[in-house]
Amino acid sequence: MENTNTNCCGSQWKEKNDVFKVLTFFLLITTIFMVFKTITAYKESAFVGLEGQSTITFTGKGEVFAIADVATFNFSVVEISSTVAKAQEDSAKKINAIMGYLKEQGIEEKDIKTANYNVYPKYEWRRDTVCEGGFCSDGKNVLVGYEASQTITVKVRDTEKSGTLLTGVGELGASNISGLTFSVDDEEASKREARKLAIEDAQNKAKELAKDLDVKLVRIVSFNESGDFPVYAYDKEVSMGMGGAEAVPPQIPVGENQIISNVSITYQIK
C-alpha cells in the first residue's frame, strides 16, 4: 500500500516538474524574442537617414527678379586749412549744407549716416638743403596744414530722385561721390520666394523620377540650402563736375536684381 502511494506521489511530482520546465522554456523563448524585437526597433530608429535605408537626393534652383526700390551712395567732403579747428569748421559747413538739402528732398535722418571721419596733419616735401649736426639732406617734410575729411552714406528710397540728388550734393561742395548701388529693401521676402521656387523644383524632379523608377517617396530625411544671394545692379562710381555751369542730373537706370536660391532634398524611398 505504501509503495502504491509513493509511486503516485512520484508520478505527480514528475508531471509538475515537466510542466514547470515547459513553462520556463516558453518564458525564456518569449523573453529572447522581445529583447530581439526591442534591439531591432532601436537600431531602426537610431539609423534613420544612415545605413540600411535607400535614399535619393534631388537639387532645385529658384530665381526671383525684383525691381530695386532703394539706392545707396557715398559722398565725401575734404577740407584743408592751417589749423585743425579751421579745417573742421569748413568741412562742417559743407556737410551741414548737404544734410539740409537731403532732408529738404525727403531723405529721412535714419537714412543718412557717417561712414568715416578723419583729421590728420598735411605735409609737403620741401627740396631744400638742410644741415643739422653735420648731416645735410636734400629736403624735409614741412607741415602745411590739416586735412579734415568726412564720408556720408545716403539711402534713397525714391530711386527716381537718385540723379537729382547726386547732382545737388556735388553742387554743394562734395569732394567725391561714389558707390552708387541699387537693392531691394525687403530682401528677405524675395529670398523666401526664391527658396520656395527651389523647393518646388526639387520636389517636381523627385516625383518625376520616382514615377520613372517605379519607387515610392516615403519621407524627407534631410534638407540643405546651399545659400541664396542677390545679384545687384550697380554703378561703380559717379564723378560730378565741381563749379562752372549747372550740372545736368545723370540718367540712372535702376534695372532688376536677381536673387538665387539652391536647395537639396533627400528622400527615403522603397
Protein backbone atom coordinates (compact mmCIF):
# COMPACT_ATOMS: atom_id res chain seq x y z
CA MET A 1 0.00 0.00 0.00
CA GLU A 2 2.83 2.36 0.85
CA ASN A 3 4.55 1.56 -2.43
CA THR A 4 1.42 2.49 -4.35
CA ASN A 5 1.18 5.90 -2.62
CA THR A 6 4.87 6.53 -3.13
CA ASN A 7 4.67 5.75 -6.83
CA CYS A 8 1.61 8.00 -7.19
CA CYS A 9 3.29 10.96 -5.48
CA GLY A 10 6.46 10.50 -7.51
CA SER A 11 4.49 10.44 -10.73
CA GLN A 12 2.63 13.65 -9.84
CA TRP A 13 5.86 15.43 -8.89
CA LYS A 14 7.44 14.42 -12.18
CA GLU A 15 4.45 15.72 -14.15
CA LYS A 16 4.58 19.06 -12.31
CA ASN A 17 8.32 19.30 -12.91
CA ASP A 18 7.83 18.66 -16.62
CA VAL A 19 5.15 21.37 -16.83
CA PHE A 20 7.44 23.80 -14.99
CA LYS A 21 10.25 23.09 -17.44
CA VAL A 22 7.95 23.69 -20.41
CA LEU A 23 6.72 26.99 -18.95
CA THR A 24 10.26 28.08 -18.15
CA PHE A 25 11.38 27.27 -21.68
CA PHE A 26 8.40 29.14 -23.14
CA LEU A 27 9.11 32.22 -21.00
CA LEU A 28 12.77 32.13 -21.98
CA ILE A 29 11.94 31.99 -25.68
CA THR A 30 9.40 34.82 -25.28
CA THR A 31 11.93 36.96 -23.41
CA ILE A 32 14.61 36.42 -26.06
CA PHE A 33 12.12 37.30 -28.80
CA MET A 34 11.06 40.53 -27.07
CA VAL A 35 14.68 41.56 -26.47
CA PHE A 36 15.48 40.92 -30.13
CA LYS A 37 12.49 42.99 -31.28
CA THR A 38 13.44 45.83 -28.95
CA ILE A 39 17.04 45.92 -30.20
CA THR A 40 15.90 45.79 -33.83
CA ALA A 41 13.44 48.64 -33.31
CA TYR A 42 16.12 50.73 -31.57
CA LYS A 43 18.57 50.17 -34.41
CA GLU A 44 15.98 51.15 -36.99
CA SER A 45 15.16 54.37 -35.14
CA ALA A 46 18.81 55.17 -34.43
CA PHE A 47 19.93 54.87 -38.02
CA VAL A 48 17.22 56.77 -39.86
CA GLY A 49 18.88 58.57 -42.75
CA LEU A 50 22.04 56.46 -42.47
CA GLU A 51 22.86 52.83 -43.36
CA GLY A 52 20.17 50.31 -44.05
CA GLN A 53 17.95 52.79 -45.82
CA SER A 54 17.52 53.55 -49.51
CA THR A 55 17.64 57.26 -50.23
CA ILE A 56 17.84 59.55 -53.23
CA THR A 57 18.74 63.25 -53.38
CA PHE A 58 17.38 65.95 -55.66
CA THR A 59 18.52 69.52 -56.21
CA GLY A 60 16.40 72.53 -57.04
CA LYS A 61 17.05 76.10 -58.10
CA GLY A 62 14.85 79.15 -57.69
CA GLU A 63 15.32 82.58 -59.25
CA VAL A 64 13.44 85.76 -58.47
CA PHE A 65 13.82 89.07 -60.29
CA ALA A 66 12.87 92.09 -58.22
CA ILE A 67 12.83 95.75 -59.16
CA ALA A 68 15.30 97.61 -56.95
CA ASP A 69 13.48 100.13 -54.76
CA VAL A 70 16.41 101.53 -52.77
CA ALA A 71 19.52 103.37 -53.97
CA THR A 72 22.61 103.91 -51.81
CA PHE A 73 25.58 106.19 -52.45
CA ASN A 74 28.50 107.74 -50.58
CA PHE A 75 29.87 111.27 -50.68
CA SER A 76 32.91 112.81 -49.04
CA VAL A 77 33.85 116.34 -48.06
CA VAL A 78 37.56 117.13 -47.72
CA GLU A 79 38.85 120.47 -46.41
CA ILE A 80 42.43 121.61 -45.79
CA SER A 81 43.33 124.56 -43.55
CA SER A 82 46.19 125.90 -41.47
CA THR A 83 44.62 124.70 -38.21
CA VAL A 84 42.59 121.68 -37.14
CA ALA A 85 39.73 123.88 -35.95
CA LYS A 86 39.50 125.75 -39.26
CA ALA A 87 39.60 122.54 -41.33
CA GLN A 88 36.83 121.03 -39.20
CA GLU A 89 34.77 124.21 -39.39
CA ASP A 90 35.00 124.41 -43.20
CA SER A 91 34.13 120.72 -43.53
CA ALA A 92 31.19 121.03 -41.13
CA LYS A 93 29.71 123.96 -43.08
CA LYS A 94 29.58 121.94 -46.31
CA ILE A 95 28.34 118.80 -44.57
CA ASN A 96 25.55 120.73 -42.85
CA ALA A 97 24.53 122.37 -46.13
CA ILE A 98 24.37 119.00 -47.87
CA MET A 99 22.49 117.40 -44.97
CA GLY A 100 19.93 120.21 -45.08
CA TYR A 101 19.49 119.72 -48.82
CA LEU A 102 18.99 115.97 -48.46
CA LYS A 103 16.33 116.44 -45.79
CA GLU A 104 14.55 119.00 -47.99
CA GLN A 105 14.47 116.33 -50.70
CA GLY A 106 12.68 113.93 -48.35
CA ILE A 107 15.63 111.86 -47.12
CA GLU A 108 14.97 110.82 -43.53
CA GLU A 109 17.63 111.25 -40.86
CA LYS A 110 17.75 107.48 -40.27
CA ASP A 111 18.90 107.04 -43.88
CA ILE A 112 21.90 109.37 -43.50
CA LYS A 113 24.90 108.11 -41.53
CA THR A 114 28.59 108.89 -41.17
CA ALA A 115 30.77 106.12 -42.60
CA ASN A 116 34.14 107.70 -41.86
CA TYR A 117 35.64 110.81 -40.21
CA ASN A 118 39.34 111.75 -40.14
CA VAL A 119 41.53 114.72 -39.23
CA TYR A 120 45.26 114.49 -39.79
CA PRO A 121 48.26 116.75 -40.50
CA LYS A 122 49.20 117.55 -44.08
CA TYR A 123 52.89 117.56 -45.01
CA GLU A 124 54.82 118.60 -48.12
CA TRP A 125 58.34 117.64 -49.07
CA ARG A 126 60.49 120.75 -49.47
CA ARG A 127 63.61 120.13 -51.52
CA ASP A 128 65.85 122.49 -49.57
CA THR A 129 69.34 121.64 -48.38
CA VAL A 130 69.17 121.36 -44.63
CA CYS A 131 72.16 120.64 -42.42
CA GLU A 132 71.76 119.52 -38.85
CA GLY A 133 74.52 118.11 -36.65
CA GLY A 134 76.89 117.82 -39.58
CA PHE A 135 74.37 115.87 -41.72
CA CYS A 136 72.88 117.50 -44.82
CA SER A 137 69.72 116.25 -46.52
CA ASP A 138 68.11 117.15 -49.86
CA GLY A 139 64.96 118.36 -48.15
CA LYS A 140 62.46 117.77 -45.38
CA ASN A 141 58.75 117.32 -44.66
CA VAL A 142 57.09 120.60 -43.81
CA LEU A 143 53.71 120.87 -42.07
CA VAL A 144 51.47 122.89 -44.39
CA GLY A 145 48.12 122.41 -42.68
CA TYR A 146 45.49 119.94 -41.56
CA GLU A 147 43.02 117.89 -43.56
CA ALA A 148 39.51 117.10 -42.29
CA SER A 149 37.51 114.51 -44.23
CA GLN A 150 34.07 113.04 -43.62
CA THR A 151 32.27 110.36 -45.63
CA ILE A 152 28.48 110.04 -45.51
CA THR A 153 26.33 107.13 -46.69
CA VAL A 154 22.88 108.03 -48.01
CA LYS A 155 19.96 105.67 -48.62
CA VAL A 156 17.42 106.89 -51.18
CA ARG A 157 14.01 105.21 -51.04
CA ASP A 158 12.70 107.02 -54.12
CA THR A 159 15.14 105.79 -56.77
CA GLU A 160 13.84 108.28 -59.34
CA LYS A 161 15.49 111.03 -57.30
CA SER A 162 18.94 109.44 -57.45
CA GLY A 163 20.28 111.52 -60.34
CA THR A 164 18.96 114.80 -58.94
CA LEU A 165 20.42 114.08 -55.51
CA LEU A 166 23.84 113.21 -56.91
CA THR A 167 23.90 116.50 -58.80
CA GLY A 168 22.71 118.53 -55.82
CA VAL A 169 25.27 117.01 -53.46
CA GLY A 170 28.04 117.73 -55.95
CA GLU A 171 26.99 121.36 -56.41
CA LEU A 172 27.06 121.90 -52.63
CA GLY A 173 30.74 121.01 -52.38
CA ALA A 174 31.11 117.25 -52.08
CA SER A 175 34.68 116.30 -52.99
CA ASN A 176 33.80 112.79 -54.13
CA ILE A 177 30.60 110.87 -54.88
CA SER A 178 30.83 107.11 -55.32
CA GLY A 179 29.46 103.65 -54.61
CA LEU A 180 26.01 104.01 -56.14
CA THR A 181 24.15 100.70 -55.71
CA PHE A 182 20.55 99.55 -56.08
CA SER A 183 18.92 96.93 -53.89
CA VAL A 184 15.57 95.54 -52.75
CA ASP A 185 14.51 96.93 -49.37
CA ASP A 186 12.55 93.84 -48.28
CA GLU A 187 15.14 91.37 -49.49
CA GLU A 188 14.02 88.59 -47.13
CA ALA A 189 10.66 88.32 -48.88
CA SER A 190 12.42 87.83 -52.22
CA LYS A 191 14.76 85.25 -50.67
CA ARG A 192 11.80 83.29 -49.29
CA GLU A 193 10.13 83.34 -52.70
CA ALA A 194 13.33 82.10 -54.38
CA ARG A 195 13.65 79.33 -51.76
CA LYS A 196 10.02 78.29 -52.32
CA LEU A 197 10.62 78.01 -56.07
CA ALA A 198 13.80 75.99 -55.48
CA ILE A 199 11.94 73.54 -53.21
CA GLU A 200 9.15 73.14 -55.77
CA ASP A 201 11.75 72.47 -58.46
CA ALA A 202 13.37 69.71 -56.37
CA GLN A 203 10.01 68.18 -55.46
CA ASN A 204 8.88 68.07 -59.09
CA LYS A 205 12.11 66.33 -60.08
CA ALA A 206 11.59 63.81 -57.26
CA LYS A 207 8.03 62.99 -58.34
CA GLU A 208 9.01 62.52 -61.98
CA LEU A 209 11.99 60.26 -61.24
CA ALA A 210 10.06 58.23 -58.65
CA LYS A 211 7.47 57.52 -61.33
CA ASP A 212 10.14 56.56 -63.88
CA LEU A 213 11.93 54.26 -61.40
CA ASP A 214 8.68 52.84 -60.02
CA VAL A 215 9.61 53.65 -56.43
CA LYS A 216 7.70 55.37 -53.66
CA LEU A 217 8.86 58.52 -51.89
CA VAL A 218 8.39 57.72 -48.20
CA ARG A 219 9.53 60.89 -46.46
CA ILE A 220 12.16 63.64 -46.44
CA VAL A 221 15.20 62.64 -44.37
CA SER A 222 17.35 65.73 -44.95
CA PHE A 223 17.19 69.24 -46.41
CA ASN A 224 20.00 71.60 -47.25
CA GLU A 225 20.05 75.12 -48.59
CA SER A 226 23.39 75.96 -50.15
CA GLY A 227 22.71 79.68 -49.95
CA ASP A 228 20.64 82.37 -51.52
CA PHE A 229 22.28 85.54 -52.71
CA PRO A 230 21.26 88.65 -54.58
CA VAL A 231 22.91 89.89 -57.76
CA TYR A 232 22.76 93.65 -57.55
CA ALA A 233 22.56 96.23 -60.27
CA TYR A 234 25.10 98.94 -59.56
CA ASP A 235 27.18 101.79 -60.91
CA LYS A 236 30.75 101.63 -59.58
CA GLU A 237 31.40 105.35 -59.33
CA VAL A 238 29.77 108.62 -60.23
CA SER A 239 32.02 111.65 -60.76
CA MET A 240 30.42 115.06 -60.59
CA GLY A 241 31.95 118.23 -62.02
CA MET A 242 32.64 120.94 -59.48
CA GLY A 243 31.84 124.55 -60.29
CA GLY A 244 31.14 126.02 -63.73
CA ALA A 245 27.76 125.67 -65.38
CA GLU A 246 24.91 123.95 -63.59
CA ALA A 247 25.32 120.18 -63.78
CA VAL A 248 22.69 118.13 -65.60
CA PRO A 249 21.28 115.28 -63.48
CA PRO A 250 22.57 111.95 -64.85
CA GLN A 251 20.19 109.28 -66.09
CA ILE A 252 20.44 106.37 -63.62
CA PRO A 253 18.83 103.13 -64.87
CA VAL A 254 17.67 101.04 -61.92
CA GLY A 255 17.19 97.63 -63.55
CA GLU A 256 16.30 94.38 -61.78
CA ASN A 257 18.04 92.43 -59.05
CA GLN A 258 18.34 88.67 -59.42
CA ILE A 259 18.03 86.60 -56.25
CA ILE A 260 19.00 82.91 -56.47
CA SER A 261 18.40 80.01 -54.07
CA ASN A 262 19.77 76.45 -54.36
CA VAL A 263 18.45 73.56 -52.27
CA SER A 264 18.89 69.79 -52.00
CA ILE A 265 16.29 67.38 -50.62
CA THR A 266 16.98 63.74 -49.70
CA TYR A 267 14.06 61.28 -49.71
CA GLN A 268 13.72 57.80 -48.26
CA ILE A 269 12.40 55.50 -50.98
CA LYS A 270 11.03 51.99 -51.16
